[in-house]
Amino acid sequence: MKIPSELVPNTTTIEEIKEKEPLGLILGGGPSIERSGNSMSYVEGLDVPILGICLGHQIIAKAYGGEIGAAGIESYALIKINILNENEILKGFGENANVWASHKDEVTKPPKNFEVLASSSICGVEAMKHETKPIYGIQFHPEVHHTENGSKIFENFYEICKEFQKSTNMS
């Protein structure tokens, strides 16, 4: 996709992340919040756009006071999400999309100051965004080929990161 990126383990310290001067941060999937390493400190201590995918979505919710719980229907399958607000992260998706989702744990209550952007018949918080900060969470997996237009999420996030950098450099 010609988007510069670097994969780092969740054992990387926040100081090491800051030294890299990232444009943004994507928190990927993983087995559980209990094994998420330093990920919570990234959400709480970085002033860059953040996109959380699956477990990353749950980490963002937990960092901001939301609730995580076991999914009502545990699945790893193609589902249809309903886009409630296309917003900048879901730009170009329309009213709904078929996405590949992993539901074992999920955000059961979004944090205060977060807007739900998408839901599905099995999950009320498929996507969310902080009301004022460029922080986004999605329960589904845009990186797999089963997700329609999944690469659009990364393209949109990269645009958000570039715009954020421009706005912070102008201040």
N, C-alpha and C. Protein backbone atom coordinates (compact mmCIF):
# COMPACT_ATOMS: atom_id res chain seq x y z
N MET A 1 0.81 -1.21 0.00
CA MET A 1 0.00 0.00 0.00
C MET A 1 0.85 1.26 0.00
N LYS A 2 2.15 1.09 0.07
CA LYS A 2 3.08 2.22 0.08
C LYS A 2 2.83 3.18 1.25
N ILE A 3 2.45 2.60 2.37
CA ILE A 3 2.31 3.36 3.62
C ILE A 3 3.46 2.93 4.50
N PRO A 4 4.32 3.88 4.91
CA PRO A 4 5.45 3.49 5.76
C PRO A 4 4.95 2.93 7.08
N SER A 5 5.57 1.82 7.50
CA SER A 5 5.15 1.21 8.76
C SER A 5 6.30 0.42 9.37
N GLU A 6 6.17 0.19 10.65
CA GLU A 6 7.14 -0.63 11.37
C GLU A 6 6.37 -1.45 12.39
N LEU A 7 6.62 -2.73 12.43
CA LEU A 7 6.00 -3.62 13.39
C LEU A 7 6.87 -3.69 14.63
N VAL A 8 6.28 -3.40 15.79
CA VAL A 8 7.04 -3.47 17.04
C VAL A 8 6.27 -4.33 18.03
N PRO A 9 6.98 -5.07 18.88
CA PRO A 9 6.30 -5.90 19.89
C PRO A 9 5.71 -5.04 21.00
N ASN A 10 4.71 -5.58 21.69
CA ASN A 10 4.08 -4.82 22.77
C ASN A 10 4.95 -4.75 24.02
N THR A 11 6.17 -5.24 23.93
CA THR A 11 7.14 -5.07 25.02
C THR A 11 7.97 -3.80 24.83
N THR A 12 7.81 -3.15 23.69
CA THR A 12 8.50 -1.88 23.42
C THR A 12 8.01 -0.84 24.42
N THR A 13 8.91 -0.10 25.02
CA THR A 13 8.50 0.91 26.00
C THR A 13 7.90 2.12 25.29
N ILE A 14 7.13 2.88 26.02
CA ILE A 14 6.55 4.09 25.44
C ILE A 14 7.65 5.08 25.05
N GLU A 15 8.74 5.09 25.81
CA GLU A 15 9.86 5.98 25.47
C GLU A 15 10.47 5.58 24.12
N GLU A 16 10.60 4.27 23.88
CA GLU A 16 11.13 3.80 22.60
C GLU A 16 10.18 4.15 21.45
N ILE A 17 8.88 4.07 21.71
CA ILE A 17 7.89 4.45 20.68
C ILE A 17 8.03 5.94 20.38
N LYS A 18 8.10 6.76 21.42
CA LYS A 18 8.21 8.21 21.22
C LYS A 18 9.48 8.57 20.45
N GLU A 19 10.58 7.88 20.69
CA GLU A 19 11.83 8.14 19.97
C GLU A 19 11.67 7.93 18.47
N LYS A 20 10.78 7.05 18.08
CA LYS A 20 10.55 6.76 16.67
C LYS A 20 9.74 7.86 15.97
N GLU A 21 9.14 8.76 16.76
CA GLU A 21 8.31 9.86 16.25
C GLU A 21 7.29 9.37 15.23
N PRO A 22 6.41 8.45 15.65
CA PRO A 22 5.43 7.92 14.70
C PRO A 22 4.37 8.95 14.31
N LEU A 23 3.86 8.81 13.09
CA LEU A 23 2.72 9.63 12.65
C LEU A 23 1.44 9.15 13.31
N GLY A 24 1.40 7.85 13.60
CA GLY A 24 0.22 7.24 14.19
C GLY A 24 0.60 5.88 14.74
N LEU A 25 -0.36 5.23 15.37
CA LEU A 25 -0.11 3.94 15.98
C LEU A 25 -1.31 3.04 15.72
N ILE A 26 -1.04 1.82 15.27
CA ILE A 26 -2.09 0.82 15.13
C ILE A 26 -1.83 -0.27 16.16
N LEU A 27 -2.83 -0.51 16.99
CA LEU A 27 -2.77 -1.59 17.97
C LEU A 27 -3.51 -2.77 17.36
N GLY A 28 -2.79 -3.83 17.06
CA GLY A 28 -3.37 -4.98 16.38
C GLY A 28 -4.04 -5.95 17.33
N GLY A 29 -4.42 -7.07 16.77
CA GLY A 29 -5.09 -8.11 17.53
C GLY A 29 -4.15 -8.87 18.43
N GLY A 30 -4.69 -9.71 19.25
CA GLY A 30 -3.91 -10.52 20.16
C GLY A 30 -4.82 -11.38 21.00
N PRO A 31 -4.25 -12.19 21.87
CA PRO A 31 -5.07 -13.14 22.61
C PRO A 31 -5.94 -12.55 23.72
N SER A 32 -5.41 -11.59 24.49
CA SER A 32 -6.19 -11.07 25.62
C SER A 32 -5.58 -9.79 26.15
N ILE A 33 -6.41 -9.01 26.81
CA ILE A 33 -5.92 -7.77 27.44
C ILE A 33 -4.86 -8.09 28.48
N GLU A 34 -5.00 -9.20 29.17
CA GLU A 34 -4.03 -9.57 30.19
C GLU A 34 -2.64 -9.77 29.60
N ARG A 35 -2.56 -10.10 28.32
CA ARG A 35 -1.26 -10.34 27.68
C ARG A 35 -0.91 -9.24 26.68
N SER A 36 -1.45 -8.03 26.89
CA SER A 36 -1.25 -6.96 25.93
C SER A 36 -0.01 -6.10 26.20
N GLY A 37 0.82 -6.50 27.15
CA GLY A 37 2.09 -5.81 27.39
C GLY A 37 1.91 -4.33 27.71
N ASN A 38 2.70 -3.50 27.01
CA ASN A 38 2.69 -2.06 27.25
C ASN A 38 1.61 -1.30 26.48
N SER A 39 0.74 -2.01 25.78
CA SER A 39 -0.23 -1.37 24.90
C SER A 39 -1.08 -0.30 25.58
N MET A 40 -1.48 -0.53 26.81
CA MET A 40 -2.30 0.45 27.52
C MET A 40 -1.55 1.76 27.69
N SER A 41 -0.25 1.70 27.97
CA SER A 41 0.53 2.93 28.15
C SER A 41 0.62 3.71 26.84
N TYR A 42 0.60 3.03 25.70
CA TYR A 42 0.64 3.74 24.41
C TYR A 42 -0.61 4.59 24.24
N VAL A 43 -1.77 4.03 24.57
CA VAL A 43 -3.03 4.75 24.43
C VAL A 43 -3.05 5.95 25.36
N GLU A 44 -2.55 5.76 26.55
CA GLU A 44 -2.61 6.82 27.56
C GLU A 44 -1.51 7.86 27.40
N GLY A 45 -0.39 7.52 26.74
CA GLY A 45 0.75 8.42 26.75
C GLY A 45 1.22 8.99 25.44
N LEU A 46 0.56 8.65 24.32
CA LEU A 46 0.99 9.17 23.03
C LEU A 46 -0.01 10.18 22.49
N ASP A 47 0.51 11.22 21.87
CA ASP A 47 -0.36 12.23 21.26
C ASP A 47 -0.27 12.11 19.74
N VAL A 48 -0.70 10.97 19.24
CA VAL A 48 -0.76 10.69 17.81
C VAL A 48 -2.08 9.96 17.54
N PRO A 49 -2.55 9.96 16.31
CA PRO A 49 -3.73 9.16 16.00
C PRO A 49 -3.49 7.68 16.32
N ILE A 50 -4.53 7.04 16.83
CA ILE A 50 -4.44 5.63 17.19
C ILE A 50 -5.62 4.88 16.58
N LEU A 51 -5.32 3.74 16.00
CA LEU A 51 -6.34 2.82 15.48
C LEU A 51 -6.16 1.49 16.20
N GLY A 52 -7.20 1.05 16.86
CA GLY A 52 -7.18 -0.25 17.52
C GLY A 52 -8.00 -1.24 16.72
N ILE A 53 -7.40 -2.40 16.46
CA ILE A 53 -8.07 -3.47 15.72
C ILE A 53 -8.29 -4.64 16.67
N CYS A 54 -9.53 -5.08 16.82
CA CYS A 54 -9.92 -6.22 17.65
C CYS A 54 -9.41 -6.00 19.09
N LEU A 55 -8.37 -6.68 19.52
CA LEU A 55 -7.86 -6.47 20.87
C LEU A 55 -7.45 -5.01 21.06
N GLY A 56 -6.87 -4.38 20.05
CA GLY A 56 -6.50 -2.97 20.14
C GLY A 56 -7.72 -2.09 20.42
N HIS A 57 -8.83 -2.42 19.81
CA HIS A 57 -10.12 -1.74 20.02
C HIS A 57 -10.53 -1.88 21.49
N GLN A 58 -10.37 -3.07 22.03
CA GLN A 58 -10.73 -3.33 23.42
C GLN A 58 -9.79 -2.61 24.38
N ILE A 59 -8.50 -2.54 24.03
CA ILE A 59 -7.52 -1.82 24.87
C ILE A 59 -7.88 -0.35 24.95
N ILE A 60 -8.24 0.24 23.81
CA ILE A 60 -8.65 1.65 23.80
C ILE A 60 -9.87 1.84 24.70
N ALA A 61 -10.86 0.97 24.54
CA ALA A 61 -12.07 1.08 25.37
C ALA A 61 -11.72 1.02 26.85
N LYS A 62 -10.89 0.05 27.22
CA LYS A 62 -10.52 -0.11 28.63
C LYS A 62 -9.73 1.10 29.13
N ALA A 63 -8.80 1.62 28.33
CA ALA A 63 -7.98 2.77 28.72
C ALA A 63 -8.85 4.00 29.02
N TYR A 64 -9.98 4.11 28.33
CA TYR A 64 -10.85 5.27 28.49
C TYR A 64 -12.06 5.00 29.38
N GLY A 65 -12.09 3.84 30.04
CA GLY A 65 -13.16 3.57 30.99
C GLY A 65 -14.35 2.81 30.45
N GLY A 66 -14.24 2.27 29.24
CA GLY A 66 -15.31 1.44 28.70
C GLY A 66 -15.28 0.06 29.33
N GLU A 67 -16.23 -0.78 28.92
CA GLU A 67 -16.31 -2.13 29.47
C GLU A 67 -16.08 -3.18 28.39
N ILE A 68 -15.35 -4.22 28.77
CA ILE A 68 -15.04 -5.35 27.89
C ILE A 68 -15.69 -6.59 28.50
N GLY A 69 -16.21 -7.45 27.65
CA GLY A 69 -16.78 -8.69 28.16
C GLY A 69 -16.79 -9.76 27.09
N ALA A 70 -17.20 -10.93 27.48
CA ALA A 70 -17.31 -12.04 26.54
C ALA A 70 -18.42 -11.73 25.54
N ALA A 71 -18.18 -12.07 24.30
CA ALA A 71 -19.17 -11.85 23.26
C ALA A 71 -20.39 -12.72 23.51
N GLY A 72 -21.55 -12.18 23.19
CA GLY A 72 -22.78 -12.95 23.31
C GLY A 72 -22.77 -14.16 22.39
N ILE A 73 -22.21 -13.98 21.20
CA ILE A 73 -22.06 -15.05 20.23
C ILE A 73 -20.60 -15.07 19.84
N GLU A 74 -19.88 -16.10 20.25
CA GLU A 74 -18.46 -16.21 19.91
C GLU A 74 -18.34 -16.71 18.48
N SER A 75 -17.61 -15.95 17.66
CA SER A 75 -17.49 -16.36 16.26
C SER A 75 -16.21 -15.82 15.64
N TYR A 76 -15.84 -16.43 14.56
CA TYR A 76 -14.74 -15.98 13.72
C TYR A 76 -15.26 -16.19 12.31
N ALA A 77 -15.88 -15.15 11.78
CA ALA A 77 -16.61 -15.34 10.52
C ALA A 77 -16.86 -14.02 9.81
N LEU A 78 -17.38 -14.14 8.61
CA LEU A 78 -17.79 -12.99 7.83
C LEU A 78 -19.13 -12.50 8.38
N ILE A 79 -19.21 -11.21 8.71
CA ILE A 79 -20.45 -10.63 9.21
C ILE A 79 -20.72 -9.33 8.47
N LYS A 80 -21.94 -8.88 8.55
CA LYS A 80 -22.33 -7.60 7.95
C LYS A 80 -22.40 -6.56 9.06
N ILE A 81 -21.65 -5.47 8.89
CA ILE A 81 -21.75 -4.38 9.86
C ILE A 81 -22.60 -3.27 9.27
N ASN A 82 -23.30 -2.57 10.14
CA ASN A 82 -24.11 -1.42 9.76
C ASN A 82 -23.35 -0.17 10.14
N ILE A 83 -23.07 0.66 9.17
CA ILE A 83 -22.31 1.89 9.43
C ILE A 83 -23.31 2.96 9.88
N LEU A 84 -23.15 3.41 11.11
CA LEU A 84 -24.03 4.42 11.69
C LEU A 84 -23.54 5.82 11.37
N ASN A 85 -22.21 5.97 11.30
CA ASN A 85 -21.59 7.25 10.95
C ASN A 85 -20.33 6.92 10.17
N GLU A 86 -20.33 7.26 8.90
CA GLU A 86 -19.20 6.90 8.04
C GLU A 86 -17.90 7.53 8.53
N ASN A 87 -17.94 8.73 9.06
CA ASN A 87 -16.79 9.38 9.66
C ASN A 87 -15.55 9.24 8.78
N GLU A 88 -14.44 9.81 9.20
CA GLU A 88 -13.23 9.78 8.37
C GLU A 88 -12.57 8.40 8.31
N ILE A 89 -12.74 7.56 9.34
CA ILE A 89 -12.10 6.24 9.33
C ILE A 89 -12.86 5.26 8.44
N LEU A 90 -14.16 5.43 8.32
CA LEU A 90 -14.99 4.53 7.51
C LEU A 90 -15.42 5.18 6.19
N LYS A 91 -14.75 6.27 5.84
CA LYS A 91 -15.09 6.98 4.60
C LYS A 91 -14.98 6.03 3.40
N GLY A 92 -16.02 6.03 2.58
CA GLY A 92 -16.02 5.19 1.39
C GLY A 92 -16.69 3.84 1.58
N PHE A 93 -17.21 3.56 2.77
CA PHE A 93 -17.83 2.26 3.02
C PHE A 93 -19.33 2.23 2.74
N GLY A 94 -20.00 3.36 2.81
CA GLY A 94 -21.44 3.35 2.60
C GLY A 94 -22.20 2.95 3.85
N GLU A 95 -23.40 2.38 3.67
CA GLU A 95 -24.28 2.06 4.79
C GLU A 95 -23.92 0.77 5.52
N ASN A 96 -23.30 -0.18 4.82
CA ASN A 96 -22.89 -1.41 5.48
C ASN A 96 -21.75 -2.06 4.71
N ALA A 97 -21.14 -3.04 5.36
CA ALA A 97 -19.99 -3.73 4.74
C ALA A 97 -19.90 -5.14 5.30
N ASN A 98 -19.36 -6.04 4.48
CA ASN A 98 -19.07 -7.40 4.93
C ASN A 98 -17.63 -7.42 5.40
N VAL A 99 -17.45 -7.81 6.65
CA VAL A 99 -16.12 -7.79 7.27
C VAL A 99 -15.84 -9.12 7.96
N TRP A 100 -14.56 -9.40 8.13
CA TRP A 100 -14.16 -10.60 8.85
C TRP A 100 -13.96 -10.20 10.30
N ALA A 101 -14.69 -10.85 11.17
CA ALA A 101 -14.64 -10.45 12.57
C ALA A 101 -14.30 -11.64 13.47
N SER A 102 -13.65 -11.31 14.56
CA SER A 102 -13.33 -12.29 15.58
C SER A 102 -14.01 -11.80 16.85
N HIS A 103 -15.01 -12.52 17.28
CA HIS A 103 -15.74 -12.13 18.49
C HIS A 103 -15.60 -13.22 19.55
N LYS A 104 -14.69 -12.99 20.45
CA LYS A 104 -14.60 -13.81 21.66
C LYS A 104 -14.83 -12.84 22.82
N ASP A 105 -14.05 -11.77 22.82
CA ASP A 105 -14.27 -10.65 23.73
C ASP A 105 -14.62 -9.45 22.86
N GLU A 106 -15.33 -8.50 23.45
CA GLU A 106 -15.72 -7.31 22.70
C GLU A 106 -16.00 -6.16 23.66
N VAL A 107 -16.10 -4.99 23.09
CA VAL A 107 -16.48 -3.82 23.88
C VAL A 107 -17.98 -3.94 24.13
N THR A 108 -18.35 -4.07 25.41
CA THR A 108 -19.77 -4.20 25.76
C THR A 108 -20.39 -2.85 26.09
N LYS A 109 -19.55 -1.89 26.50
CA LYS A 109 -20.02 -0.53 26.76
C LYS A 109 -18.91 0.43 26.33
N PRO A 110 -19.20 1.29 25.35
CA PRO A 110 -18.15 2.21 24.91
C PRO A 110 -17.82 3.22 26.00
N PRO A 111 -16.59 3.73 25.99
CA PRO A 111 -16.23 4.72 26.99
C PRO A 111 -16.99 6.03 26.79
N LYS A 112 -17.07 6.80 27.85
CA LYS A 112 -17.62 8.15 27.77
C LYS A 112 -16.77 8.91 26.75
N ASN A 113 -17.36 9.80 26.00
CA ASN A 113 -16.69 10.60 24.98
C ASN A 113 -16.33 9.81 23.73
N PHE A 114 -16.92 8.63 23.54
CA PHE A 114 -16.73 7.87 22.32
C PHE A 114 -18.07 7.71 21.62
N GLU A 115 -18.04 7.80 20.31
CA GLU A 115 -19.23 7.62 19.49
C GLU A 115 -19.14 6.26 18.80
N VAL A 116 -20.23 5.51 18.81
CA VAL A 116 -20.28 4.24 18.09
C VAL A 116 -20.49 4.55 16.61
N LEU A 117 -19.59 4.06 15.77
CA LEU A 117 -19.65 4.32 14.33
C LEU A 117 -20.29 3.18 13.55
N ALA A 118 -20.22 1.95 14.08
CA ALA A 118 -20.78 0.79 13.39
C ALA A 118 -21.18 -0.27 14.40
N SER A 119 -22.18 -1.05 14.03
CA SER A 119 -22.65 -2.15 14.86
C SER A 119 -23.01 -3.32 13.94
N SER A 120 -23.33 -4.45 14.54
CA SER A 120 -23.78 -5.61 13.77
C SER A 120 -24.86 -6.32 14.57
N SER A 121 -25.41 -7.36 14.01
CA SER A 121 -26.45 -8.11 14.71
C SER A 121 -25.88 -8.87 15.92
N ILE A 122 -24.56 -9.04 15.96
CA ILE A 122 -23.97 -9.78 17.09
C ILE A 122 -23.10 -8.92 18.01
N CYS A 123 -22.87 -7.65 17.62
CA CYS A 123 -21.99 -6.79 18.43
C CYS A 123 -22.45 -5.34 18.29
N GLY A 124 -22.71 -4.70 19.41
CA GLY A 124 -23.19 -3.32 19.40
C GLY A 124 -22.13 -2.29 19.10
N VAL A 125 -20.84 -2.64 19.29
CA VAL A 125 -19.76 -1.67 19.08
C VAL A 125 -18.72 -2.28 18.13
N GLU A 126 -19.03 -2.31 16.85
CA GLU A 126 -18.09 -2.82 15.84
C GLU A 126 -17.03 -1.77 15.50
N ALA A 127 -17.36 -0.50 15.67
CA ALA A 127 -16.40 0.59 15.44
C ALA A 127 -16.79 1.77 16.31
N MET A 128 -15.78 2.50 16.77
CA MET A 128 -16.01 3.67 17.62
C MET A 128 -14.91 4.70 17.40
N LYS A 129 -15.20 5.93 17.82
CA LYS A 129 -14.23 7.02 17.70
C LYS A 129 -14.37 7.94 18.90
N HIS A 130 -13.23 8.43 19.38
CA HIS A 130 -13.25 9.45 20.43
C HIS A 130 -13.87 10.71 19.83
N GLU A 131 -14.65 11.43 20.60
CA GLU A 131 -15.36 12.61 20.08
C GLU A 131 -14.44 13.74 19.65
N THR A 132 -13.28 13.90 20.31
CA THR A 132 -12.41 15.03 19.98
C THR A 132 -11.00 14.63 19.56
N LYS A 133 -10.57 13.43 19.90
CA LYS A 133 -9.21 12.99 19.57
C LYS A 133 -9.25 12.01 18.40
N PRO A 134 -8.15 11.93 17.63
CA PRO A 134 -8.12 10.98 16.51
C PRO A 134 -7.81 9.55 16.98
N ILE A 135 -8.75 9.01 17.76
CA ILE A 135 -8.59 7.67 18.31
C ILE A 135 -9.79 6.84 17.89
N TYR A 136 -9.50 5.72 17.22
CA TYR A 136 -10.53 4.87 16.61
C TYR A 136 -10.33 3.43 17.04
N GLY A 137 -11.43 2.71 17.16
CA GLY A 137 -11.37 1.29 17.43
C GLY A 137 -12.33 0.54 16.52
N ILE A 138 -11.88 -0.61 16.03
CA ILE A 138 -12.75 -1.46 15.22
C ILE A 138 -12.61 -2.91 15.71
N GLN A 139 -13.72 -3.60 15.83
CA GLN A 139 -13.71 -4.98 16.30
C GLN A 139 -13.30 -5.94 15.19
N PHE A 140 -13.53 -5.57 13.96
CA PHE A 140 -13.27 -6.47 12.83
C PHE A 140 -11.84 -6.33 12.31
N HIS A 141 -11.48 -7.18 11.37
CA HIS A 141 -10.11 -7.25 10.85
C HIS A 141 -10.03 -6.74 9.40
N PRO A 142 -9.54 -5.51 9.21
CA PRO A 142 -9.42 -4.97 7.85
C PRO A 142 -8.24 -5.55 7.08
N GLU A 143 -7.32 -6.20 7.78
CA GLU A 143 -6.09 -6.69 7.15
C GLU A 143 -6.27 -8.00 6.39
N VAL A 144 -7.42 -8.65 6.54
CA VAL A 144 -7.64 -9.93 5.85
C VAL A 144 -8.42 -9.70 4.56
N HIS A 145 -8.19 -10.54 3.59
CA HIS A 145 -8.82 -10.33 2.28
C HIS A 145 -10.33 -10.53 2.30
N HIS A 146 -10.88 -11.19 3.32
CA HIS A 146 -12.32 -11.40 3.42
C HIS A 146 -13.08 -10.10 3.67
N THR A 147 -12.42 -9.11 4.26
CA THR A 147 -13.07 -7.84 4.57
C THR A 147 -13.13 -6.98 3.32
N GLU A 148 -14.36 -6.65 2.89
CA GLU A 148 -14.54 -5.79 1.72
C GLU A 148 -13.88 -4.44 1.98
N ASN A 149 -13.05 -4.00 1.06
CA ASN A 149 -12.39 -2.70 1.15
C ASN A 149 -11.60 -2.52 2.45
N GLY A 150 -11.08 -3.59 2.99
CA GLY A 150 -10.33 -3.50 4.24
C GLY A 150 -9.15 -2.56 4.16
N SER A 151 -8.49 -2.53 2.98
CA SER A 151 -7.34 -1.63 2.84
C SER A 151 -7.76 -0.17 2.96
N LYS A 152 -9.03 0.12 2.71
CA LYS A 152 -9.54 1.50 2.82
C LYS A 152 -9.39 2.02 4.25
N ILE A 153 -9.54 1.14 5.22
CA ILE A 153 -9.35 1.55 6.63
C ILE A 153 -7.94 2.10 6.82
N PHE A 154 -6.94 1.37 6.29
CA PHE A 154 -5.55 1.79 6.46
C PHE A 154 -5.26 3.07 5.66
N GLU A 155 -5.82 3.18 4.48
CA GLU A 155 -5.65 4.40 3.68
C GLU A 155 -6.27 5.59 4.41
N ASN A 156 -7.48 5.41 4.93
CA ASN A 156 -8.14 6.48 5.68
C ASN A 156 -7.35 6.86 6.92
N PHE A 157 -6.84 5.86 7.63
CA PHE A 157 -6.07 6.14 8.84
C PHE A 157 -4.78 6.89 8.50
N TYR A 158 -4.14 6.51 7.43
CA TYR A 158 -2.91 7.22 7.01
C TYR A 158 -3.22 8.68 6.70
N GLU A 159 -4.34 8.94 6.04
CA GLU A 159 -4.74 10.32 5.76
C GLU A 159 -5.00 11.09 7.06
N ILE A 160 -5.65 10.44 8.02
CA ILE A 160 -5.89 11.05 9.32
C ILE A 160 -4.56 11.40 9.98
N CYS A 161 -3.60 10.49 9.91
CA CYS A 161 -2.28 10.73 10.51
C CYS A 161 -1.57 11.92 9.86
N LYS A 162 -1.62 11.98 8.53
CA LYS A 162 -0.96 13.09 7.83
C LYS A 162 -1.64 14.42 8.15
N GLU A 163 -2.96 14.43 8.22
CA GLU A 163 -3.68 15.66 8.56
C GLU A 163 -3.38 16.10 9.99
N PHE A 164 -3.30 15.14 10.90
CA PHE A 164 -2.99 15.44 12.29
C PHE A 164 -1.59 16.05 12.39
N GLN A 165 -0.63 15.47 11.67
CA GLN A 165 0.72 16.01 11.70
C GLN A 165 0.75 17.44 11.15
N LYS A 166 0.05 17.68 10.06
CA LYS A 166 -0.01 19.04 9.50
C LYS A 166 -0.57 20.01 10.52
N SER A 167 -1.66 19.62 11.19
CA SER A 167 -2.31 20.53 12.15
C SER A 167 -1.42 20.78 13.37
N THR A 168 -0.67 19.78 13.81
CA THR A 168 0.20 20.00 14.98
C THR A 168 1.46 20.78 14.60
N ASN A 169 1.91 20.65 13.36
CA ASN A 169 3.09 21.42 12.92
C ASN A 169 2.74 22.88 12.70
N MET A 170 1.46 23.17 12.40
CA MET A 170 1.05 24.56 12.18
C MET A 170 0.83 25.30 13.48
N SER A 171 0.62 24.56 14.60
CA SER A 171 0.35 25.25 15.86
C SER A 171 1.62 25.65 16.57
